[in-house]
Amino acid sequence: MSKMKRIITALLILNIAFPAFAANTPKNHKYYEKDYQNVWCKANGGVTEYILPDKARVDCVTQTHAIEFDFVKKWAESIGQAIYYGYQLNKTPGIVLISEDGEKDEKYINRVRAIAGSHHIDLWIITPNEMPKG
């Protein structure tokens, strides 16, 4: 097994065995993860909180994608979850990274970009500027 496959397998195991690590809302963010999820998913014609037979919840399912949302610092978790969801639904895995700190977040975004291309994962970035005002 290649080093990359071992890493992805380990990430999947961690996400399945320890769901507490995937808490929805870390403290000190401008919006909740769920807020970003609802805005993006609705704008892209998706369904939020799609429940798989094993009770795992996919953040957003569109016609073509199974998508995981995470704040940028949880970039590694997003990869494993997106691959798993895509596999379960026979859809392209996707990740929407939530970037609230501009340039400070680039290192995390670049980590996902390095993996995403070779594993056919589509990547989008959402920022607080894209949230509705009011």
C-alpha atoms as a PDB file:
ATOM      1  CA  MET A   1       0.000   0.000   0.000  1.00  0.00           C
ATOM      2  CA  SER A   2       1.381   3.404  -0.954  1.00  0.00           C
ATOM      3  CA  LYS A   3       2.146   6.012   1.678  1.00  0.00           C
ATOM      4  CA  MET A   4      -0.718   8.223   0.431  1.00  0.00           C
ATOM      5  CA  LYS A   5      -3.226   5.361   0.595  1.00  0.00           C
ATOM      6  CA  ARG A   6      -2.099   4.590   4.157  1.00  0.00           C
ATOM      7  CA  ILE A   7      -2.607   8.238   5.130  1.00  0.00           C
ATOM      8  CA  ILE A   8      -6.080   8.361   3.598  1.00  0.00           C
ATOM      9  CA  THR A   9      -7.022   5.050   5.235  1.00  0.00           C
ATOM     10  CA  ALA A  10      -5.860   6.359   8.621  1.00  0.00           C
ATOM     11  CA  LEU A  11      -7.887   9.563   8.161  1.00  0.00           C
ATOM     12  CA  LEU A  12     -11.006   7.568   7.310  1.00  0.00           C
ATOM     13  CA  ILE A  13     -10.576   5.341  10.354  1.00  0.00           C
ATOM     14  CA  LEU A  14     -10.111   8.335  12.647  1.00  0.00           C
ATOM     15  CA  ASN A  15     -13.214  10.059  11.303  1.00  0.00           C
ATOM     16  CA  ILE A  16     -15.362   6.954  11.669  1.00  0.00           C
ATOM     17  CA  ALA A  17     -14.003   5.777  15.027  1.00  0.00           C
ATOM     18  CA  PHE A  18     -13.838   9.173  16.714  1.00  0.00           C
ATOM     19  CA  PRO A  19     -16.709  11.371  15.491  1.00  0.00           C
ATOM     20  CA  ALA A  20     -16.223  13.701  18.458  1.00  0.00           C
ATOM     21  CA  PHE A  21     -13.184  15.090  16.613  1.00  0.00           C
ATOM     22  CA  ALA A  22     -15.551  16.347  13.941  1.00  0.00           C
ATOM     23  CA  ALA A  23     -17.484  18.800  16.110  1.00  0.00           C
ATOM     24  CA  ASN A  24     -19.487  21.274  14.065  1.00  0.00           C
ATOM     25  CA  THR A  25     -18.391  24.586  15.516  1.00  0.00           C
ATOM     26  CA  PRO A  26     -15.047  25.447  17.002  1.00  0.00           C
ATOM     27  CA  LYS A  27     -15.114  28.535  19.210  1.00  0.00           C
ATOM     28  CA  ASN A  28     -14.315  32.029  18.002  1.00  0.00           C
ATOM     29  CA  HIS A  29     -15.588  31.801  14.429  1.00  0.00           C
ATOM     30  CA  LYS A  30     -17.616  34.420  12.608  1.00  0.00           C
ATOM     31  CA  TYR A  31     -20.368  31.959  11.663  1.00  0.00           C
ATOM     32  CA  TYR A  32     -21.210  28.371  12.497  1.00  0.00           C
ATOM     33  CA  GLU A  33     -20.104  25.683  10.060  1.00  0.00           C
ATOM     34  CA  LYS A  34     -23.798  24.903   9.515  1.00  0.00           C
ATOM     35  CA  ASP A  35     -24.431  28.508   8.397  1.00  0.00           C
ATOM     36  CA  TYR A  36     -21.778  28.276   5.687  1.00  0.00           C
ATOM     37  CA  GLN A  37     -23.083  24.845   4.725  1.00  0.00           C
ATOM     38  CA  ASN A  38     -26.680  26.052   4.341  1.00  0.00           C
ATOM     39  CA  VAL A  39     -25.759  29.101   2.250  1.00  0.00           C
ATOM     40  CA  TRP A  40     -23.388  27.256  -0.099  1.00  0.00           C
ATOM     41  CA  CYS A  41     -25.482  24.125  -0.479  1.00  0.00           C
ATOM     42  CA  LYS A  42     -28.671  26.050  -1.247  1.00  0.00           C
ATOM     43  CA  ALA A  43     -26.860  28.212  -3.818  1.00  0.00           C
ATOM     44  CA  ASN A  44     -25.575  25.034  -5.505  1.00  0.00           C
ATOM     45  CA  GLY A  45     -28.870  23.132  -5.554  1.00  0.00           C
ATOM     46  CA  GLY A  46     -27.868  20.636  -2.893  1.00  0.00           C
ATOM     47  CA  VAL A  47     -29.449  18.843   0.022  1.00  0.00           C
ATOM     48  CA  THR A  48     -27.929  19.380   3.476  1.00  0.00           C
ATOM     49  CA  GLU A  49     -27.346  16.743   6.147  1.00  0.00           C
ATOM     50  CA  TYR A  50     -27.950  13.747   3.880  1.00  0.00           C
ATOM     51  CA  ILE A  51     -27.921  10.615   6.057  1.00  0.00           C
ATOM     52  CA  LEU A  52     -26.107   7.516   4.806  1.00  0.00           C
ATOM     53  CA  PRO A  53     -27.249   3.979   5.718  1.00  0.00           C
ATOM     54  CA  ASP A  54     -24.491   3.832   8.372  1.00  0.00           C
ATOM     55  CA  LYS A  55     -25.926   7.033   9.910  1.00  0.00           C
ATOM     56  CA  ALA A  56     -23.002   9.209   8.766  1.00  0.00           C
ATOM     57  CA  ARG A  57     -24.177  12.661   7.684  1.00  0.00           C
ATOM     58  CA  VAL A  58     -22.986  14.198   4.442  1.00  0.00           C
ATOM     59  CA  ASP A  59     -22.895  17.981   4.795  1.00  0.00           C
ATOM     60  CA  CYS A  60     -24.186  18.619   1.259  1.00  0.00           C
ATOM     61  CA  VAL A  61     -25.188  16.354  -1.619  1.00  0.00           C
ATOM     62  CA  THR A  62     -25.657  17.791  -5.103  1.00  0.00           C
ATOM     63  CA  GLN A  63     -26.508  16.020  -8.329  1.00  0.00           C
ATOM     64  CA  THR A  64     -22.824  15.281  -8.907  1.00  0.00           C
ATOM     65  CA  HIS A  65     -21.014  15.687  -5.573  1.00  0.00           C
ATOM     66  CA  ALA A  66     -20.868  14.492  -1.968  1.00  0.00           C
ATOM     67  CA  ILE A  67     -19.397  17.430  -0.070  1.00  0.00           C
ATOM     68  CA  GLU A  68     -17.740  17.876   3.315  1.00  0.00           C
ATOM     69  CA  PHE A  69     -17.512  21.319   4.946  1.00  0.00           C
ATOM     70  CA  ASP A  70     -14.776  22.156   7.434  1.00  0.00           C
ATOM     71  CA  PHE A  71     -12.893  25.114   8.796  1.00  0.00           C
ATOM     72  CA  VAL A  72      -9.443  25.216   7.213  1.00  0.00           C
ATOM     73  CA  LYS A  73      -7.593  23.945  10.274  1.00  0.00           C
ATOM     74  CA  LYS A  74      -9.552  20.694   9.966  1.00  0.00           C
ATOM     75  CA  TRP A  75      -8.305  20.216   6.416  1.00  0.00           C
ATOM     76  CA  ALA A  76      -7.055  16.647   6.972  1.00  0.00           C
ATOM     77  CA  GLU A  77     -10.400  15.424   8.305  1.00  0.00           C
ATOM     78  CA  SER A  78     -12.198  16.897   5.316  1.00  0.00           C
ATOM     79  CA  ILE A  79     -10.203  14.747   2.891  1.00  0.00           C
ATOM     80  CA  GLY A  80     -11.111  11.429   4.496  1.00  0.00           C
ATOM     81  CA  GLN A  81     -14.751  12.332   4.934  1.00  0.00           C
ATOM     82  CA  ALA A  82     -15.161  13.596   1.366  1.00  0.00           C
ATOM     83  CA  ILE A  83     -13.620  10.442  -0.095  1.00  0.00           C
ATOM     84  CA  TYR A  84     -15.830   8.228   2.065  1.00  0.00           C
ATOM     85  CA  TYR A  85     -19.019  10.128   1.226  1.00  0.00           C
ATOM     86  CA  GLY A  86     -18.240  10.153  -2.483  1.00  0.00           C
ATOM     87  CA  TYR A  87     -17.583   6.428  -2.417  1.00  0.00           C
ATOM     88  CA  GLN A  88     -20.807   5.682  -0.527  1.00  0.00           C
ATOM     89  CA  LEU A  89     -22.956   7.755  -2.892  1.00  0.00           C
ATOM     90  CA  ASN A  90     -21.021   7.052  -6.110  1.00  0.00           C
ATOM     91  CA  LYS A  91     -20.497  10.791  -6.547  1.00  0.00           C
ATOM     92  CA  THR A  92     -17.458  13.006  -6.932  1.00  0.00           C
ATOM     93  CA  PRO A  93     -16.025  13.881  -3.515  1.00  0.00           C
ATOM     94  CA  GLY A  94     -15.958  17.574  -2.738  1.00  0.00           C
ATOM     95  CA  ILE A  95     -14.667  19.788   0.031  1.00  0.00           C
ATOM     96  CA  VAL A  96     -15.730  23.302   0.938  1.00  0.00           C
ATOM     97  CA  LEU A  97     -13.079  24.800   3.189  1.00  0.00           C
ATOM     98  CA  ILE A  98     -14.178  27.688   5.366  1.00  0.00           C
ATOM     99  CA  SER A  99     -11.549  30.423   5.355  1.00  0.00           C
ATOM    100  CA  GLU A 100     -11.995  33.228   7.863  1.00  0.00           C
ATOM    101  CA  ASP A 101      -8.386  34.432   8.160  1.00  0.00           C
ATOM    102  CA  GLY A 102      -7.362  35.220   4.590  1.00  0.00           C
ATOM    103  CA  GLU A 103      -3.667  34.700   3.925  1.00  0.00           C
ATOM    104  CA  LYS A 104      -3.142  32.864   7.229  1.00  0.00           C
ATOM    105  CA  ASP A 105      -5.377  30.087   5.879  1.00  0.00           C
ATOM    106  CA  GLU A 106      -3.464  29.600   2.630  1.00  0.00           C
ATOM    107  CA  LYS A 107      -1.131  26.952   4.068  1.00  0.00           C
ATOM    108  CA  TYR A 108      -4.114  24.738   4.943  1.00  0.00           C
ATOM    109  CA  ILE A 109      -5.826  25.337   1.617  1.00  0.00           C
ATOM    110  CA  ASN A 110      -2.617  24.455  -0.219  1.00  0.00           C
ATOM    111  CA  ARG A 111      -2.386  21.176   1.707  1.00  0.00           C
ATOM    112  CA  VAL A 112      -5.795  20.147   0.443  1.00  0.00           C
ATOM    113  CA  ARG A 113      -5.002  21.312  -3.089  1.00  0.00           C
ATOM    114  CA  ALA A 114      -1.894  19.093  -3.041  1.00  0.00           C
ATOM    115  CA  ILE A 115      -4.031  16.022  -2.344  1.00  0.00           C
ATOM    116  CA  ALA A 116      -7.298  16.926  -4.077  1.00  0.00           C
ATOM    117  CA  GLY A 117      -6.073  16.828  -7.653  1.00  0.00           C
ATOM    118  CA  SER A 118      -4.528  13.389  -7.461  1.00  0.00           C
ATOM    119  CA  HIS A 119      -7.605  11.946  -5.725  1.00  0.00           C
ATOM    120  CA  HIS A 120     -10.241  13.595  -7.922  1.00  0.00           C
ATOM    121  CA  ILE A 121     -11.649  15.711  -5.094  1.00  0.00           C
ATOM    122  CA  ASP A 122     -13.188  19.043  -6.055  1.00  0.00           C
ATOM    123  CA  LEU A 123     -12.374  21.938  -3.756  1.00  0.00           C
ATOM    124  CA  TRP A 124     -14.167  25.195  -3.060  1.00  0.00           C
ATOM    125  CA  ILE A 125     -13.414  27.947  -0.566  1.00  0.00           C
ATOM    126  CA  ILE A 126     -16.063  29.978   1.262  1.00  0.00           C
ATOM    127  CA  THR A 127     -15.405  33.116   3.297  1.00  0.00           C
ATOM    128  CA  PRO A 128     -17.530  35.308   5.591  1.00  0.00           C
ATOM    129  CA  ASN A 129     -17.807  37.799   2.702  1.00  0.00           C
ATOM    130  CA  GLU A 130     -20.043  35.317   0.898  1.00  0.00           C
ATOM    131  CA  MET A 131     -22.548  35.139   3.746  1.00  0.00           C
ATOM    132  CA  PRO A 132     -25.814  37.101   3.522  1.00  0.00           C
ATOM    133  CA  LYS A 133     -25.810  40.388   5.369  1.00  0.00           C
ATOM    134  CA  GLY A 134     -28.311  40.977   8.128  1.00  0.00           C
END
